[in-house]
Amino acid sequence: MQELKSPDEKFPRREIERAGYGAIWHGQKSWNGVAVLARDQEPRETRRGLPGDLDDSHGRYIEAAIDGMMVGCLYLPNGNPAPGPKVDYKLRWFERLHSYAAELFELDVPCALVGDFNIMPTDLDVYKPERWRDNALFRPEVRAAYAELIAMGWTDALGCCIPNSGSIRSGSISATLSLGTHAFASTIFCPVRQYARLQTYGVDRFARAWEHTSDHAPVWIELGDR
């Protein structure tokens, strides 16, 4: 879960436990916030915040071990308006993600980077792309940072499985012809070597029709045995 927009003490732990989930979370008042939930068990926290900047207190990364799998949940900075200090911060945060993702990639356990990447890597990922050329989610330096993550050996679990996944994740998720939930924002990255374990995958578009819903929709994958 990303963009909780609440401090730690207001996280609805009891309600989540009643629904059958254990949880860890890293909240922040009014902004950001990430959480990892696990059904019928307690996820074991392995990291809170990305390494590389001791002054970065934003609630943007939390990581857990669950049933022998590592799950890193992230909320990458938006970066707007661009150019400017916010997109510079976004790129610095991405550099830290690259460094840490390289460590995760070498682990001999299944792992996933899950969350809101705030990126539109292709023109398919947004309605009327010509309107968004200067948007921080669309800028060439941000796309290059995304490409570097792919080159490292990570793969977008939805993008590699669903033809024209950008249009699926943007137009289908969005309730209006707009930015389309920042399109590529909500996704799941796994090392390429885990690709064969993917069984099913999807986007729960129906959630966008709920009252007072988010501008995102849940994405999910199901992994089988090696």
Protein backbone atom coordinates (compact mmCIF):
# COMPACT_ATOMS: atom_id res chain seq x y z
CA MET A 1 0.00 0.00 0.00
CA GLN A 2 1.24 3.50 -0.86
CA GLU A 3 0.30 7.11 -0.19
CA LEU A 4 -1.22 6.42 3.24
CA LYS A 5 -1.27 10.14 4.10
CA SER A 6 -1.43 9.51 7.84
CA PRO A 7 1.05 9.39 10.73
CA ASP A 8 2.00 6.02 12.20
CA GLU A 9 -0.36 6.33 15.16
CA LYS A 10 -3.40 6.70 12.89
CA PHE A 11 -2.73 3.64 10.76
CA PRO A 12 -5.86 1.40 11.03
CA ARG A 13 -4.01 -1.60 12.47
CA ARG A 14 -6.96 -3.09 14.34
CA GLU A 15 -9.27 -2.95 11.34
CA ILE A 16 -6.61 -4.61 9.20
CA GLU A 17 -6.05 -7.32 11.80
CA ARG A 18 -9.80 -7.99 11.93
CA ALA A 19 -9.69 -8.46 8.16
CA GLY A 20 -7.08 -11.18 8.67
CA TYR A 21 -3.81 -9.37 7.90
CA GLY A 22 -0.64 -8.58 9.75
CA ALA A 23 0.99 -5.29 8.77
CA ILE A 24 4.03 -3.07 9.02
CA TRP A 25 3.88 0.58 7.98
CA HIS A 26 5.89 3.77 7.63
CA GLY A 27 3.51 6.70 7.81
CA GLN A 28 3.80 10.44 7.38
CA LYS A 29 1.29 13.15 8.25
CA SER A 30 -0.61 14.44 5.20
CA TRP A 31 1.90 12.97 2.73
CA ASN A 32 3.48 9.76 1.47
CA GLY A 33 3.30 6.63 3.63
CA VAL A 34 3.82 2.95 2.72
CA ALA A 35 2.71 -0.37 4.22
CA VAL A 36 3.11 -4.11 3.67
CA LEU A 37 0.29 -6.49 4.62
CA ALA A 38 0.40 -10.28 4.90
CA ARG A 39 -2.62 -12.56 5.25
CA ASP A 40 -2.75 -14.66 8.45
CA GLN A 41 0.77 -13.76 9.57
CA GLU A 42 3.01 -10.90 10.65
CA PRO A 43 5.43 -9.57 8.03
CA ARG A 44 8.94 -9.19 9.46
CA GLU A 45 10.33 -5.71 8.84
CA THR A 46 13.79 -5.77 7.26
CA ARG A 47 14.22 -2.12 6.25
CA ARG A 48 12.56 1.26 6.80
CA GLY A 49 13.68 3.97 4.38
CA LEU A 50 16.23 3.69 1.59
CA PRO A 51 19.93 3.92 2.49
CA GLY A 52 22.02 6.78 1.19
CA ASP A 53 20.48 9.87 2.82
CA LEU A 54 20.31 10.09 6.61
CA ASP A 55 18.28 13.31 6.40
CA ASP A 56 15.50 11.79 4.29
CA SER A 57 12.65 11.16 6.75
CA HIS A 58 9.88 10.77 4.16
CA GLY A 59 7.66 7.70 4.44
CA ARG A 60 8.59 6.29 1.03
CA TYR A 61 10.09 2.83 1.55
CA ILE A 62 9.44 -0.14 3.79
CA GLU A 63 10.50 -3.76 3.35
CA ALA A 64 9.43 -7.08 4.80
CA ALA A 65 10.26 -10.77 4.74
CA ILE A 66 7.16 -12.92 4.25
CA ASP A 67 7.28 -16.70 3.76
CA GLY A 68 10.84 -16.61 2.44
CA MET A 69 10.17 -13.71 0.07
CA MET A 70 11.41 -10.11 0.28
CA VAL A 71 8.86 -7.40 -0.52
CA GLY A 72 10.00 -3.79 -0.86
CA CYS A 73 7.12 -1.31 -0.93
CA LEU A 74 7.92 2.15 -2.31
CA TYR A 75 6.38 5.49 -3.18
CA LEU A 76 8.77 7.25 -5.53
CA PRO A 77 8.64 11.08 -5.47
CA ASN A 78 6.34 12.76 -7.99
CA GLY A 79 8.88 15.42 -8.96
CA ASN A 80 6.57 18.18 -10.16
CA PRO A 81 6.88 20.98 -11.02
CA ALA A 82 9.74 20.25 -13.38
CA PRO A 83 12.40 21.35 -13.96
CA GLY A 84 13.28 22.33 -10.42
CA PRO A 85 14.32 21.02 -7.01
CA LYS A 86 11.50 18.48 -6.79
CA VAL A 87 12.49 16.61 -9.93
CA ASP A 88 16.13 16.82 -8.79
CA TYR A 89 15.10 15.14 -5.53
CA LYS A 90 13.19 12.52 -7.51
CA LEU A 91 16.30 11.66 -9.54
CA ARG A 92 18.50 11.49 -6.42
CA TRP A 93 15.94 9.17 -4.82
CA PHE A 94 16.01 7.04 -7.96
CA GLU A 95 19.79 6.80 -7.73
CA ARG A 96 19.46 5.50 -4.20
CA LEU A 97 16.84 3.01 -5.38
CA HIS A 98 19.22 1.79 -8.11
CA SER A 99 21.97 1.18 -5.56
CA TYR A 100 19.75 -0.70 -3.16
CA ALA A 101 17.88 -2.62 -5.88
CA ALA A 102 21.26 -3.96 -7.03
CA GLU A 103 21.74 -5.44 -3.54
CA LEU A 104 18.27 -6.97 -3.52
CA PHE A 105 18.81 -8.43 -6.96
CA GLU A 106 21.76 -10.48 -5.71
CA LEU A 107 19.79 -12.09 -2.89
CA ASP A 108 19.18 -15.81 -3.28
CA VAL A 109 15.51 -15.44 -2.37
CA PRO A 110 12.45 -14.32 -4.35
CA CYS A 111 11.97 -10.58 -4.11
CA ALA A 112 9.72 -7.86 -5.49
CA LEU A 113 9.70 -4.07 -5.60
CA VAL A 114 6.06 -3.07 -5.40
CA GLY A 115 4.47 0.34 -5.45
CA ASP A 116 3.95 3.74 -6.97
CA PHE A 117 6.89 4.47 -9.26
CA ASN A 118 5.45 7.76 -10.57
CA ILE A 119 6.74 7.11 -14.09
CA MET A 120 5.24 7.07 -17.58
CA PRO A 121 7.89 5.16 -19.55
CA THR A 122 6.03 5.13 -22.89
CA ASP A 123 3.43 7.19 -24.73
CA LEU A 124 0.94 4.36 -24.14
CA ASP A 125 1.02 5.15 -20.44
CA VAL A 126 -1.04 8.33 -20.61
CA TYR A 127 -3.96 9.81 -22.50
CA LYS A 128 -2.81 12.49 -24.98
CA PRO A 129 0.93 12.24 -24.24
CA GLU A 130 1.64 15.54 -25.99
CA ARG A 131 0.10 17.28 -22.99
CA TRP A 132 2.59 15.79 -20.55
CA ARG A 133 6.00 16.21 -22.18
CA ASP A 134 7.26 18.47 -19.39
CA ASN A 135 5.65 16.50 -16.60
CA ALA A 136 8.19 14.97 -14.19
CA LEU A 137 6.68 11.51 -14.76
CA PHE A 138 7.35 11.78 -18.47
CA ARG A 139 10.67 13.62 -18.74
CA PRO A 140 13.53 11.86 -20.58
CA GLU A 141 15.86 11.82 -17.57
CA VAL A 142 13.18 10.04 -15.51
CA ARG A 143 12.53 7.56 -18.29
CA ALA A 144 16.28 6.94 -18.43
CA ALA A 145 16.32 6.20 -14.71
CA TYR A 146 13.54 3.68 -15.23
CA ALA A 147 15.43 2.09 -18.14
CA GLU A 148 18.47 1.72 -15.89
CA LEU A 149 16.41 -0.32 -13.43
CA ILE A 150 15.26 -2.58 -16.26
CA ALA A 151 18.83 -2.91 -17.54
CA MET A 152 19.90 -4.06 -14.09
CA GLY A 153 17.78 -7.18 -14.60
CA TRP A 154 14.46 -6.24 -13.02
CA THR A 155 11.28 -6.69 -15.00
CA ASP A 156 7.86 -5.09 -14.79
CA ALA A 157 5.68 -8.11 -13.96
CA LEU A 158 2.60 -6.59 -15.61
CA GLY A 159 4.35 -4.95 -18.51
CA CYS A 160 6.05 -8.14 -19.63
CA CYS A 161 2.87 -10.20 -19.43
CA ILE A 162 0.10 -8.00 -20.80
CA PRO A 163 0.29 -6.67 -24.37
CA ASN A 164 -0.04 -2.87 -24.46
CA SER A 165 -0.02 -2.86 -20.67
CA GLY A 166 0.47 0.89 -20.59
CA SER A 167 -2.92 1.50 -22.14
CA ILE A 168 -4.45 -1.06 -19.79
CA ARG A 169 -2.96 0.56 -16.72
CA SER A 170 -3.80 4.10 -17.72
CA GLY A 171 -7.03 4.28 -19.69
CA SER A 172 -8.71 1.37 -17.95
CA ILE A 173 -7.83 2.49 -14.46
CA SER A 174 -8.72 6.12 -14.96
CA ALA A 175 -12.33 7.13 -14.48
CA THR A 176 -11.82 10.06 -16.87
CA LEU A 177 -9.62 10.79 -19.86
CA SER A 178 -6.87 12.29 -17.77
CA LEU A 179 -3.46 11.36 -16.46
CA GLY A 180 -4.68 7.85 -15.77
CA THR A 181 -3.39 7.26 -12.24
CA HIS A 182 0.03 8.27 -13.36
CA ALA A 183 -0.27 5.15 -15.43
CA PHE A 184 2.88 3.20 -14.74
CA ALA A 185 2.75 4.34 -11.13
CA SER A 186 1.35 1.20 -9.51
CA THR A 187 3.33 -1.82 -10.59
CA ILE A 188 5.40 -4.77 -9.47
CA PHE A 189 9.04 -5.39 -10.32
CA CYS A 190 10.66 -8.81 -10.01
CA PRO A 191 14.08 -10.08 -11.07
CA VAL A 192 13.95 -11.58 -14.56
CA ARG A 193 14.82 -14.99 -13.16
CA GLN A 194 11.46 -15.03 -11.35
CA TYR A 195 9.45 -14.47 -14.51
CA ALA A 196 8.78 -18.19 -14.97
CA ARG A 197 7.03 -18.23 -11.57
CA LEU A 198 4.32 -15.79 -12.67
CA GLN A 199 0.99 -17.59 -12.74
CA THR A 200 -1.64 -14.87 -13.00
CA TYR A 201 -1.63 -11.08 -12.90
CA GLY A 202 -4.01 -8.19 -13.30
CA VAL A 203 -5.40 -4.76 -12.50
CA ASP A 204 -8.56 -4.52 -10.37
CA ARG A 205 -10.17 -1.78 -12.41
CA PHE A 206 -13.51 -2.11 -10.60
CA ALA A 207 -12.03 -0.38 -7.56
CA ARG A 208 -12.00 2.91 -9.45
CA ALA A 209 -15.81 2.93 -9.36
CA TRP A 210 -16.01 2.89 -5.56
CA GLU A 211 -17.18 6.01 -3.78
CA HIS A 212 -14.32 8.31 -2.68
CA THR A 213 -11.82 5.92 -4.23
CA SER A 214 -8.17 6.60 -4.98
CA ASP A 215 -6.95 7.66 -8.41
CA HIS A 216 -5.09 4.34 -8.46
CA ALA A 217 -6.37 0.79 -8.79
CA PRO A 218 -4.84 -2.33 -7.21
CA VAL A 219 -2.39 -4.34 -9.29
CA TRP A 220 -1.48 -7.90 -8.36
CA ILE A 221 0.47 -10.97 -9.38
CA GLU A 222 0.38 -14.58 -8.27
CA LEU A 223 3.65 -16.52 -8.06
CA GLY A 224 3.91 -20.29 -8.28
CA ASP A 225 6.72 -22.63 -7.32
CA ARG A 226 10.12 -22.32 -8.95
